[in-house]
Amino acid sequence: MRARDLAEPYPTIALDDQALDAARLLAERRLPGVLVVDGDGLPKAVLPASQLVRLLVPGYVLEDPSLAAVIDEAHADRMCAALEGLRVRECLPKDVPLPVLADADDTTVEVAALMASSRTPLVAVLERPRDRRTAGTPRLLGAITAANLLQHLLEAAR
């Protein structure tokens, strides 16, 4: 089986979309992260839900977690206000790695090796133009999650 066969539609968000929209998408779909794409729809990063949660926590609490106990629930209910006006690109860590990319023709073992070596639970699958001599933009086919890959491997083992 090839990566194109394993790839499934996966939610994406653009670099210039609102951070609150990304948070809503992550929460509504209960995703561990969302694939961030550029203007051409190509993967540029993975925005983990944990990164957005980190942005909600006041800096002084990050420096001294014991201070979290003094924040009342009324303040906690307004924590998402910290995302207002922010763009997705502003939420990405400065040293955000590029997302792991698989070619549509990669085998299951190649995808598994990519996940294992990069320690990522999400691999974006790109279809590149067949004739590499001609100009053409790759196209995002979807993504393969570690859970879906494991499910495929377990079913194949039956």
Protein backbone atom coordinates (compact mmCIF):
# COMPACT_ATOMS: atom_id res chain seq x y z
CA MET A 1 0.00 0.00 0.00
CA ARG A 2 1.19 3.51 -0.82
CA ALA A 3 0.94 6.72 1.18
CA ARG A 4 -1.71 8.03 -1.26
CA ASP A 5 -3.91 5.08 -0.24
CA LEU A 6 -3.45 5.72 3.47
CA ALA A 7 -3.81 9.51 3.32
CA GLU A 8 -7.06 10.87 4.69
CA PRO A 9 -8.43 14.39 4.63
CA TYR A 10 -7.02 16.27 7.59
CA PRO A 11 -8.00 19.73 8.82
CA THR A 12 -5.78 22.57 7.74
CA ILE A 13 -5.56 26.21 8.68
CA ALA A 14 -3.72 29.02 6.92
CA LEU A 15 -0.85 30.99 8.39
CA ASP A 16 -2.89 34.20 8.35
CA ASP A 17 -6.08 32.72 9.81
CA GLN A 18 -7.18 33.80 13.27
CA ALA A 19 -5.70 31.88 16.19
CA LEU A 20 -9.17 31.65 17.77
CA ASP A 21 -10.38 29.84 14.65
CA ALA A 22 -7.52 27.37 15.03
CA ALA A 23 -8.41 26.87 18.71
CA ARG A 24 -12.06 26.25 17.82
CA LEU A 25 -11.09 23.75 15.12
CA LEU A 26 -8.80 21.88 17.50
CA ALA A 27 -11.43 21.83 20.25
CA GLU A 28 -14.43 20.93 18.09
CA ARG A 29 -12.61 18.12 16.29
CA ARG A 30 -10.64 17.10 19.41
CA LEU A 31 -7.40 17.16 17.46
CA PRO A 32 -3.93 17.05 18.98
CA GLY A 33 -2.75 19.49 16.33
CA VAL A 34 -3.68 21.09 13.03
CA LEU A 35 -1.75 21.22 9.78
CA VAL A 36 -0.78 24.80 8.90
CA VAL A 37 -0.63 25.56 5.18
CA ASP A 38 0.69 28.45 3.11
CA GLY A 39 -1.17 30.37 0.40
CA ASP A 40 -0.62 27.50 -2.06
CA GLY A 41 -2.14 24.99 0.35
CA LEU A 42 1.21 23.36 1.09
CA PRO A 43 2.16 22.28 4.63
CA LYS A 44 4.38 24.68 6.54
CA ALA A 45 3.98 23.53 10.14
CA VAL A 46 1.91 21.59 12.61
CA LEU A 47 0.32 23.73 15.30
CA PRO A 48 -0.09 21.54 18.38
CA ALA A 49 -3.09 22.24 20.60
CA SER A 50 -0.63 22.36 23.48
CA GLN A 51 1.04 25.42 21.90
CA LEU A 52 -2.27 27.31 21.93
CA VAL A 53 -2.87 26.26 25.53
CA ARG A 54 0.62 27.55 26.37
CA LEU A 55 -0.30 30.94 24.91
CA LEU A 56 -3.34 31.09 27.21
CA VAL A 57 -1.31 30.70 30.37
CA PRO A 58 0.08 33.98 31.71
CA GLY A 59 3.86 34.24 31.52
CA TYR A 60 4.24 34.65 35.29
CA VAL A 61 2.46 31.29 35.79
CA LEU A 62 4.77 29.60 33.29
CA GLU A 63 7.72 30.93 35.28
CA ASP A 64 6.22 29.88 38.62
CA PRO A 65 3.47 27.23 38.25
CA SER A 66 2.55 27.56 41.93
CA LEU A 67 0.97 30.92 41.04
CA ALA A 68 -1.72 29.10 39.04
CA ALA A 69 -3.52 28.40 42.33
CA VAL A 70 -4.19 32.11 42.87
CA ILE A 71 -6.01 32.61 39.54
CA ASP A 72 -9.74 32.53 40.14
CA GLU A 73 -12.18 30.76 37.83
CA ALA A 74 -13.58 34.04 36.54
CA HIS A 75 -10.14 34.86 35.15
CA ALA A 76 -9.69 31.31 33.85
CA ASP A 77 -12.95 31.64 31.89
CA ARG A 78 -11.45 34.61 30.03
CA MET A 79 -8.12 33.00 29.18
CA CYS A 80 -8.99 32.54 25.49
CA ALA A 81 -9.05 36.30 25.15
CA ALA A 82 -5.26 36.02 24.91
CA LEU A 83 -5.73 34.62 21.39
CA GLU A 84 -7.90 37.48 20.15
CA GLY A 85 -6.31 39.31 17.27
CA LEU A 86 -3.48 36.82 16.88
CA ARG A 87 -2.80 35.09 13.57
CA VAL A 88 -1.78 31.45 13.39
CA ARG A 89 1.72 32.45 12.25
CA GLU A 90 2.16 34.40 15.50
CA CYS A 91 1.29 31.33 17.55
CA LEU A 92 3.90 29.06 16.06
CA PRO A 93 7.06 28.60 18.11
CA LYS A 94 10.08 30.44 16.70
CA ASP A 95 11.89 27.15 16.10
CA VAL A 96 8.90 25.27 14.68
CA PRO A 97 10.14 22.41 12.53
CA LEU A 98 8.75 21.86 9.06
CA PRO A 99 6.05 19.19 9.00
CA VAL A 100 7.11 15.70 8.04
CA LEU A 101 6.22 15.06 4.41
CA ALA A 102 5.71 11.78 2.62
CA ASP A 103 5.58 11.35 -1.11
CA ALA A 104 2.34 9.88 -2.44
CA ASP A 105 4.29 6.86 -3.73
CA ASP A 106 6.00 6.08 -0.40
CA THR A 107 5.29 2.65 1.00
CA THR A 108 3.74 1.90 4.38
CA VAL A 109 7.18 1.03 5.72
CA GLU A 110 8.62 4.32 4.48
CA VAL A 111 5.81 6.24 6.19
CA ALA A 112 6.32 4.26 9.40
CA ALA A 113 10.05 4.99 9.26
CA LEU A 114 9.35 8.72 8.79
CA MET A 115 7.07 8.74 11.83
CA ALA A 116 9.47 6.76 13.94
CA SER A 117 12.60 8.72 13.06
CA SER A 118 10.93 12.12 13.44
CA ARG A 119 8.80 11.12 16.44
CA THR A 120 5.72 12.65 14.91
CA PRO A 121 2.17 11.31 14.98
CA LEU A 122 1.26 13.11 11.75
CA VAL A 123 2.72 12.92 8.26
CA ALA A 124 1.43 15.09 5.41
CA VAL A 125 1.22 13.37 2.03
CA LEU A 126 2.15 15.30 -1.10
CA GLU A 127 1.65 14.35 -4.71
CA ARG A 128 4.40 15.84 -6.80
CA PRO A 129 4.17 16.36 -10.57
CA ARG A 130 5.05 13.13 -12.40
CA ASP A 131 7.41 14.82 -14.82
CA ARG A 132 9.96 16.54 -12.61
CA ARG A 133 11.38 18.42 -15.62
CA THR A 134 8.20 20.47 -15.93
CA ALA A 135 7.29 23.09 -13.41
CA GLY A 136 4.45 22.18 -11.15
CA THR A 137 3.36 22.65 -7.61
CA PRO A 138 2.97 19.64 -5.35
CA ARG A 139 -0.54 19.00 -4.08
CA LEU A 140 -1.52 18.07 -0.53
CA LEU A 141 -3.47 14.80 -0.62
CA GLY A 142 -4.09 14.60 3.11
CA ALA A 143 -2.31 13.20 6.10
CA ILE A 144 -1.57 9.92 7.79
CA THR A 145 -1.89 9.81 11.55
CA ALA A 146 -0.02 7.32 13.68
CA ALA A 147 -3.35 5.92 14.87
CA ASN A 148 -4.53 5.30 11.32
CA LEU A 149 -1.20 3.77 10.34
CA LEU A 150 -1.36 1.45 13.35
CA GLN A 151 -4.93 0.49 12.46
CA HIS A 152 -3.86 -0.39 8.92
CA LEU A 153 -0.90 -2.44 10.16
CA LEU A 154 -3.04 -4.27 12.72
CA GLU A 155 -5.66 -5.11 10.11
CA ALA A 156 -2.95 -6.36 7.74
CA ALA A 157 -1.61 -8.63 10.51
CA ARG A 158 -4.93 -10.50 10.84
